[in-house]
Amino acid sequence: MMALVIFGSLASAGSAPIQALGAFSINDKVLHFGSYIPLGLLPLLTERRRRAFLAVGLMAALGVALEFGQMFSEGRSPELLDAVADFAGLATGVLGARLVGWLIG
């Protein structure tokens, strides 16, 4: 999942995968949000709590780093609201994992 997020964040705007994704006309904030949900959810489902929250923190840092990295990708530019959507997706994933834990446990 991380590899997909990294590729999707740094691929040039003219690349075939990004062009194909653009054909669906999905708002980029929705894409950011949806891409980061699993990055918040999966660590809490598979790791101990402390390691999971460290992983989620690293995913948040990754989101910020990828936004800055877009300065070097053709046709891409960093946006603060993309990072906000990343964080919202992470938070949703964390809450989803907590809900699953509560329902199971």
N, C-alpha and C. Protein backbone atom coordinates (compact mmCIF):
# COMPACT_ATOMS: atom_id res chain seq x y z
N MET A 1 0.83 -1.19 0.00
CA MET A 1 0.00 0.00 0.00
C MET A 1 0.87 1.25 0.00
N MET A 2 1.95 1.20 0.81
CA MET A 2 2.85 2.35 0.84
C MET A 2 3.44 2.61 -0.54
N ALA A 3 3.84 1.55 -1.23
CA ALA A 3 4.43 1.71 -2.56
C ALA A 3 3.44 2.38 -3.52
N LEU A 4 2.17 2.00 -3.44
CA LEU A 4 1.16 2.62 -4.30
C LEU A 4 0.99 4.10 -3.98
N VAL A 5 0.98 4.42 -2.70
CA VAL A 5 0.84 5.82 -2.29
C VAL A 5 2.05 6.63 -2.75
N ILE A 6 3.23 6.08 -2.58
CA ILE A 6 4.44 6.79 -3.00
C ILE A 6 4.43 6.99 -4.51
N PHE A 7 4.14 5.92 -5.24
CA PHE A 7 4.11 6.05 -6.70
C PHE A 7 3.05 7.06 -7.13
N GLY A 8 1.85 6.94 -6.59
CA GLY A 8 0.77 7.85 -6.96
C GLY A 8 1.06 9.30 -6.61
N SER A 9 1.83 9.51 -5.57
CA SER A 9 2.15 10.87 -5.14
C SER A 9 3.26 11.50 -5.96
N LEU A 10 4.17 10.68 -6.47
CA LEU A 10 5.36 11.23 -7.13
C LEU A 10 5.40 11.04 -8.64
N ALA A 11 4.50 10.23 -9.19
CA ALA A 11 4.49 10.04 -10.65
C ALA A 11 4.15 11.35 -11.33
N SER A 12 4.73 11.58 -12.49
CA SER A 12 4.46 12.84 -13.20
C SER A 12 3.00 12.88 -13.64
N ALA A 13 2.50 14.08 -13.77
CA ALA A 13 1.10 14.27 -14.14
C ALA A 13 0.80 13.67 -15.52
N GLY A 14 1.81 13.58 -16.37
CA GLY A 14 1.61 13.05 -17.72
C GLY A 14 1.78 11.55 -17.83
N SER A 15 2.10 10.87 -16.74
CA SER A 15 2.32 9.42 -16.81
C SER A 15 0.99 8.71 -17.08
N ALA A 16 1.08 7.55 -17.72
CA ALA A 16 -0.12 6.79 -18.09
C ALA A 16 -1.01 6.45 -16.88
N PRO A 17 -0.43 5.97 -15.75
CA PRO A 17 -1.31 5.65 -14.62
C PRO A 17 -2.04 6.88 -14.06
N ILE A 18 -1.36 8.00 -14.00
CA ILE A 18 -2.00 9.21 -13.46
C ILE A 18 -3.05 9.71 -14.44
N GLN A 19 -2.77 9.64 -15.74
CA GLN A 19 -3.77 10.02 -16.74
C GLN A 19 -4.99 9.12 -16.66
N ALA A 20 -4.77 7.81 -16.49
CA ALA A 20 -5.88 6.86 -16.39
C ALA A 20 -6.73 7.16 -15.15
N LEU A 21 -6.06 7.46 -14.04
CA LEU A 21 -6.78 7.79 -12.82
C LEU A 21 -7.59 9.07 -12.99
N GLY A 22 -7.01 10.02 -13.71
CA GLY A 22 -7.70 11.28 -13.97
C GLY A 22 -8.98 11.11 -14.78
N ALA A 23 -9.04 10.04 -15.58
CA ALA A 23 -10.23 9.79 -16.40
C ALA A 23 -11.47 9.52 -15.54
N PHE A 24 -11.27 9.11 -14.28
CA PHE A 24 -12.40 8.85 -13.40
C PHE A 24 -12.96 10.12 -12.76
N SER A 25 -12.27 11.23 -12.92
CA SER A 25 -12.71 12.52 -12.38
C SER A 25 -13.01 12.48 -10.89
N ILE A 26 -12.15 11.82 -10.13
CA ILE A 26 -12.29 11.77 -8.68
C ILE A 26 -11.49 12.92 -8.10
N ASN A 27 -12.09 13.66 -7.21
CA ASN A 27 -11.41 14.78 -6.57
C ASN A 27 -10.12 14.29 -5.92
N ASP A 28 -9.04 15.04 -6.10
CA ASP A 28 -7.74 14.58 -5.57
C ASP A 28 -7.72 14.51 -4.05
N LYS A 29 -8.51 15.31 -3.38
CA LYS A 29 -8.57 15.22 -1.91
C LYS A 29 -9.20 13.90 -1.48
N VAL A 30 -10.20 13.44 -2.24
CA VAL A 30 -10.83 12.15 -1.96
C VAL A 30 -9.81 11.03 -2.18
N LEU A 31 -8.99 11.15 -3.23
CA LEU A 31 -7.95 10.15 -3.49
C LEU A 31 -6.93 10.12 -2.35
N HIS A 32 -6.51 11.29 -1.89
CA HIS A 32 -5.56 11.36 -0.77
C HIS A 32 -6.19 10.71 0.48
N PHE A 33 -7.40 11.12 0.79
CA PHE A 33 -8.10 10.60 1.96
C PHE A 33 -8.19 9.07 1.89
N GLY A 34 -8.71 8.57 0.79
CA GLY A 34 -8.90 7.13 0.64
C GLY A 34 -7.61 6.34 0.63
N SER A 35 -6.56 6.92 0.09
CA SER A 35 -5.27 6.23 0.03
C SER A 35 -4.63 6.08 1.41
N TYR A 36 -4.90 7.01 2.28
CA TYR A 36 -4.27 6.98 3.60
C TYR A 36 -5.08 6.22 4.65
N ILE A 37 -6.33 5.90 4.37
CA ILE A 37 -7.11 5.11 5.33
C ILE A 37 -6.42 3.79 5.65
N PRO A 38 -6.01 2.99 4.64
CA PRO A 38 -5.33 1.73 4.97
C PRO A 38 -4.01 1.94 5.71
N LEU A 39 -3.34 3.05 5.44
CA LEU A 39 -2.07 3.31 6.12
C LEU A 39 -2.28 3.61 7.61
N GLY A 40 -3.46 4.05 7.99
CA GLY A 40 -3.80 4.23 9.40
C GLY A 40 -4.41 2.99 10.01
N LEU A 41 -5.12 2.23 9.19
CA LEU A 41 -5.84 1.04 9.66
C LEU A 41 -4.93 -0.16 9.85
N LEU A 42 -4.16 -0.49 8.86
CA LEU A 42 -3.39 -1.74 8.88
C LEU A 42 -2.40 -1.88 10.03
N PRO A 43 -1.63 -0.84 10.35
CA PRO A 43 -0.70 -1.02 11.48
C PRO A 43 -1.40 -1.34 12.80
N LEU A 44 -2.56 -0.75 13.02
CA LEU A 44 -3.26 -1.01 14.28
C LEU A 44 -3.88 -2.40 14.32
N LEU A 45 -4.12 -2.97 13.16
CA LEU A 45 -4.67 -4.32 13.12
C LEU A 45 -3.59 -5.39 13.20
N THR A 46 -2.34 -5.02 12.86
CA THR A 46 -1.29 -6.04 12.76
C THR A 46 -0.15 -5.88 13.75
N GLU A 47 -0.03 -4.75 14.38
CA GLU A 47 1.11 -4.48 15.28
C GLU A 47 0.62 -4.19 16.69
N ARG A 48 1.56 -4.28 17.64
CA ARG A 48 1.23 -3.85 19.00
C ARG A 48 0.98 -2.35 19.00
N ARG A 49 0.22 -1.91 19.96
CA ARG A 49 -0.25 -0.53 19.99
C ARG A 49 0.87 0.50 19.83
N ARG A 50 1.93 0.37 20.60
CA ARG A 50 3.00 1.38 20.55
C ARG A 50 3.65 1.43 19.16
N ARG A 51 3.97 0.27 18.62
CA ARG A 51 4.56 0.22 17.27
C ARG A 51 3.58 0.72 16.23
N ALA A 52 2.31 0.42 16.42
CA ALA A 52 1.29 0.85 15.46
C ALA A 52 1.21 2.37 15.41
N PHE A 53 1.18 3.00 16.56
CA PHE A 53 1.09 4.46 16.57
C PHE A 53 2.37 5.11 16.05
N LEU A 54 3.51 4.48 16.26
CA LEU A 54 4.75 4.95 15.65
C LEU A 54 4.64 4.86 14.14
N ALA A 55 4.12 3.75 13.64
CA ALA A 55 3.95 3.56 12.19
C ALA A 55 3.01 4.62 11.62
N VAL A 56 1.92 4.90 12.31
CA VAL A 56 0.97 5.91 11.84
C VAL A 56 1.64 7.29 11.83
N GLY A 57 2.42 7.59 12.85
CA GLY A 57 3.17 8.85 12.86
C GLY A 57 4.13 8.95 11.69
N LEU A 58 4.78 7.85 11.37
CA LEU A 58 5.69 7.83 10.22
C LEU A 58 4.92 8.00 8.91
N MET A 59 3.70 7.46 8.86
CA MET A 59 2.87 7.64 7.66
C MET A 59 2.49 9.11 7.49
N ALA A 60 2.23 9.79 8.60
CA ALA A 60 1.92 11.22 8.53
C ALA A 60 3.13 11.98 8.01
N ALA A 61 4.32 11.63 8.50
CA ALA A 61 5.54 12.28 8.01
C ALA A 61 5.76 11.96 6.54
N LEU A 62 5.45 10.74 6.14
CA LEU A 62 5.57 10.36 4.74
C LEU A 62 4.66 11.23 3.87
N GLY A 63 3.44 11.45 4.32
CA GLY A 63 2.51 12.30 3.57
C GLY A 63 3.06 13.69 3.34
N VAL A 64 3.64 14.28 4.37
CA VAL A 64 4.23 15.62 4.25
C VAL A 64 5.43 15.57 3.30
N ALA A 65 6.28 14.56 3.47
CA ALA A 65 7.47 14.44 2.61
C ALA A 65 7.07 14.26 1.14
N LEU A 66 6.04 13.48 0.90
CA LEU A 66 5.60 13.27 -0.48
C LEU A 66 5.03 14.54 -1.08
N GLU A 67 4.36 15.33 -0.26
CA GLU A 67 3.87 16.62 -0.78
C GLU A 67 5.05 17.50 -1.21
N PHE A 68 6.09 17.56 -0.40
CA PHE A 68 7.27 18.33 -0.80
C PHE A 68 7.93 17.71 -2.02
N GLY A 69 7.94 16.38 -2.10
CA GLY A 69 8.54 15.69 -3.24
C GLY A 69 7.86 16.00 -4.55
N GLN A 70 6.61 16.41 -4.49
CA GLN A 70 5.90 16.75 -5.72
C GLN A 70 6.47 17.98 -6.42
N MET A 71 7.26 18.77 -5.70
CA MET A 71 7.92 19.90 -6.33
C MET A 71 8.87 19.44 -7.44
N PHE A 72 9.30 18.19 -7.37
CA PHE A 72 10.28 17.67 -8.31
C PHE A 72 9.65 16.73 -9.34
N SER A 73 8.34 16.60 -9.33
CA SER A 73 7.63 15.77 -10.30
C SER A 73 6.95 16.67 -11.32
N GLU A 74 7.14 16.34 -12.58
CA GLU A 74 6.60 17.15 -13.67
C GLU A 74 5.08 17.26 -13.59
N GLY A 75 4.59 18.48 -13.59
CA GLY A 75 3.16 18.72 -13.58
C GLY A 75 2.49 18.55 -12.23
N ARG A 76 3.26 18.38 -11.18
CA ARG A 76 2.71 18.19 -9.83
C ARG A 76 3.16 19.35 -8.95
N SER A 77 2.38 19.63 -7.92
CA SER A 77 2.76 20.67 -6.97
C SER A 77 2.21 20.31 -5.60
N PRO A 78 2.94 20.68 -4.55
CA PRO A 78 2.47 20.37 -3.19
C PRO A 78 1.29 21.26 -2.82
N GLU A 79 0.37 20.70 -2.03
CA GLU A 79 -0.77 21.46 -1.54
C GLU A 79 -1.02 21.11 -0.07
N LEU A 80 -1.22 22.11 0.72
CA LEU A 80 -1.49 21.92 2.15
C LEU A 80 -2.75 21.07 2.36
N LEU A 81 -3.79 21.31 1.56
CA LEU A 81 -5.03 20.57 1.74
C LEU A 81 -4.88 19.09 1.39
N ASP A 82 -3.91 18.75 0.53
CA ASP A 82 -3.62 17.33 0.27
C ASP A 82 -3.09 16.67 1.53
N ALA A 83 -2.19 17.36 2.23
CA ALA A 83 -1.65 16.83 3.48
C ALA A 83 -2.76 16.71 4.53
N VAL A 84 -3.66 17.67 4.57
CA VAL A 84 -4.79 17.61 5.50
C VAL A 84 -5.66 16.38 5.18
N ALA A 85 -5.89 16.13 3.89
CA ALA A 85 -6.67 14.95 3.49
C ALA A 85 -5.93 13.66 3.87
N ASP A 86 -4.59 13.67 3.74
CA ASP A 86 -3.79 12.51 4.17
C ASP A 86 -4.01 12.25 5.65
N PHE A 87 -3.89 13.29 6.46
CA PHE A 87 -4.05 13.16 7.91
C PHE A 87 -5.46 12.69 8.27
N ALA A 88 -6.45 13.23 7.56
CA ALA A 88 -7.84 12.82 7.82
C ALA A 88 -8.02 11.33 7.49
N GLY A 89 -7.41 10.87 6.41
CA GLY A 89 -7.47 9.45 6.06
C GLY A 89 -6.79 8.59 7.11
N LEU A 90 -5.63 9.03 7.59
CA LEU A 90 -4.95 8.30 8.66
C LEU A 90 -5.82 8.21 9.90
N ALA A 91 -6.39 9.33 10.29
CA ALA A 91 -7.24 9.36 11.49
C ALA A 91 -8.45 8.44 11.32
N THR A 92 -9.03 8.44 10.14
CA THR A 92 -10.17 7.56 9.87
C THR A 92 -9.75 6.10 9.96
N GLY A 93 -8.57 5.77 9.42
CA GLY A 93 -8.05 4.41 9.51
C GLY A 93 -7.82 3.99 10.95
N VAL A 94 -7.26 4.88 11.74
CA VAL A 94 -7.01 4.59 13.16
C VAL A 94 -8.34 4.36 13.88
N LEU A 95 -9.30 5.23 13.64
CA LEU A 95 -10.61 5.06 14.28
C LEU A 95 -11.28 3.77 13.83
N GLY A 96 -11.13 3.44 12.55
CA GLY A 96 -11.69 2.19 12.05
C GLY A 96 -11.06 0.98 12.72
N ALA A 97 -9.74 1.02 12.90
CA ALA A 97 -9.05 -0.09 13.58
C ALA A 97 -9.50 -0.19 15.03
N ARG A 98 -9.66 0.94 15.68
CA ARG A 98 -10.12 0.93 17.08
C ARG A 98 -11.54 0.36 17.16
N LEU A 99 -12.38 0.71 16.20
CA LEU A 99 -13.74 0.18 16.17
C LEU A 99 -13.73 -1.33 15.96
N VAL A 100 -12.89 -1.80 15.04
CA VAL A 100 -12.78 -3.24 14.81
C VAL A 100 -12.30 -3.93 16.08
N GLY A 101 -11.29 -3.35 16.74
CA GLY A 101 -10.79 -3.91 17.99
C GLY A 101 -11.86 -3.96 19.06
N TRP A 102 -12.65 -2.92 19.14
CA TRP A 102 -13.72 -2.86 20.13
C TRP A 102 -14.78 -3.92 19.83
N LEU A 103 -15.13 -4.08 18.55
CA LEU A 103 -16.16 -5.06 18.18
C LEU A 103 -15.69 -6.50 18.39
N ILE A 104 -14.41 -6.74 18.14
CA ILE A 104 -13.86 -8.09 18.30
C ILE A 104 -13.57 -8.40 19.76
N GLY A 105 -12.98 -7.41 20.44
CA GLY A 105 -12.48 -7.65 21.78
C GLY A 105 -13.45 -7.46 22.85
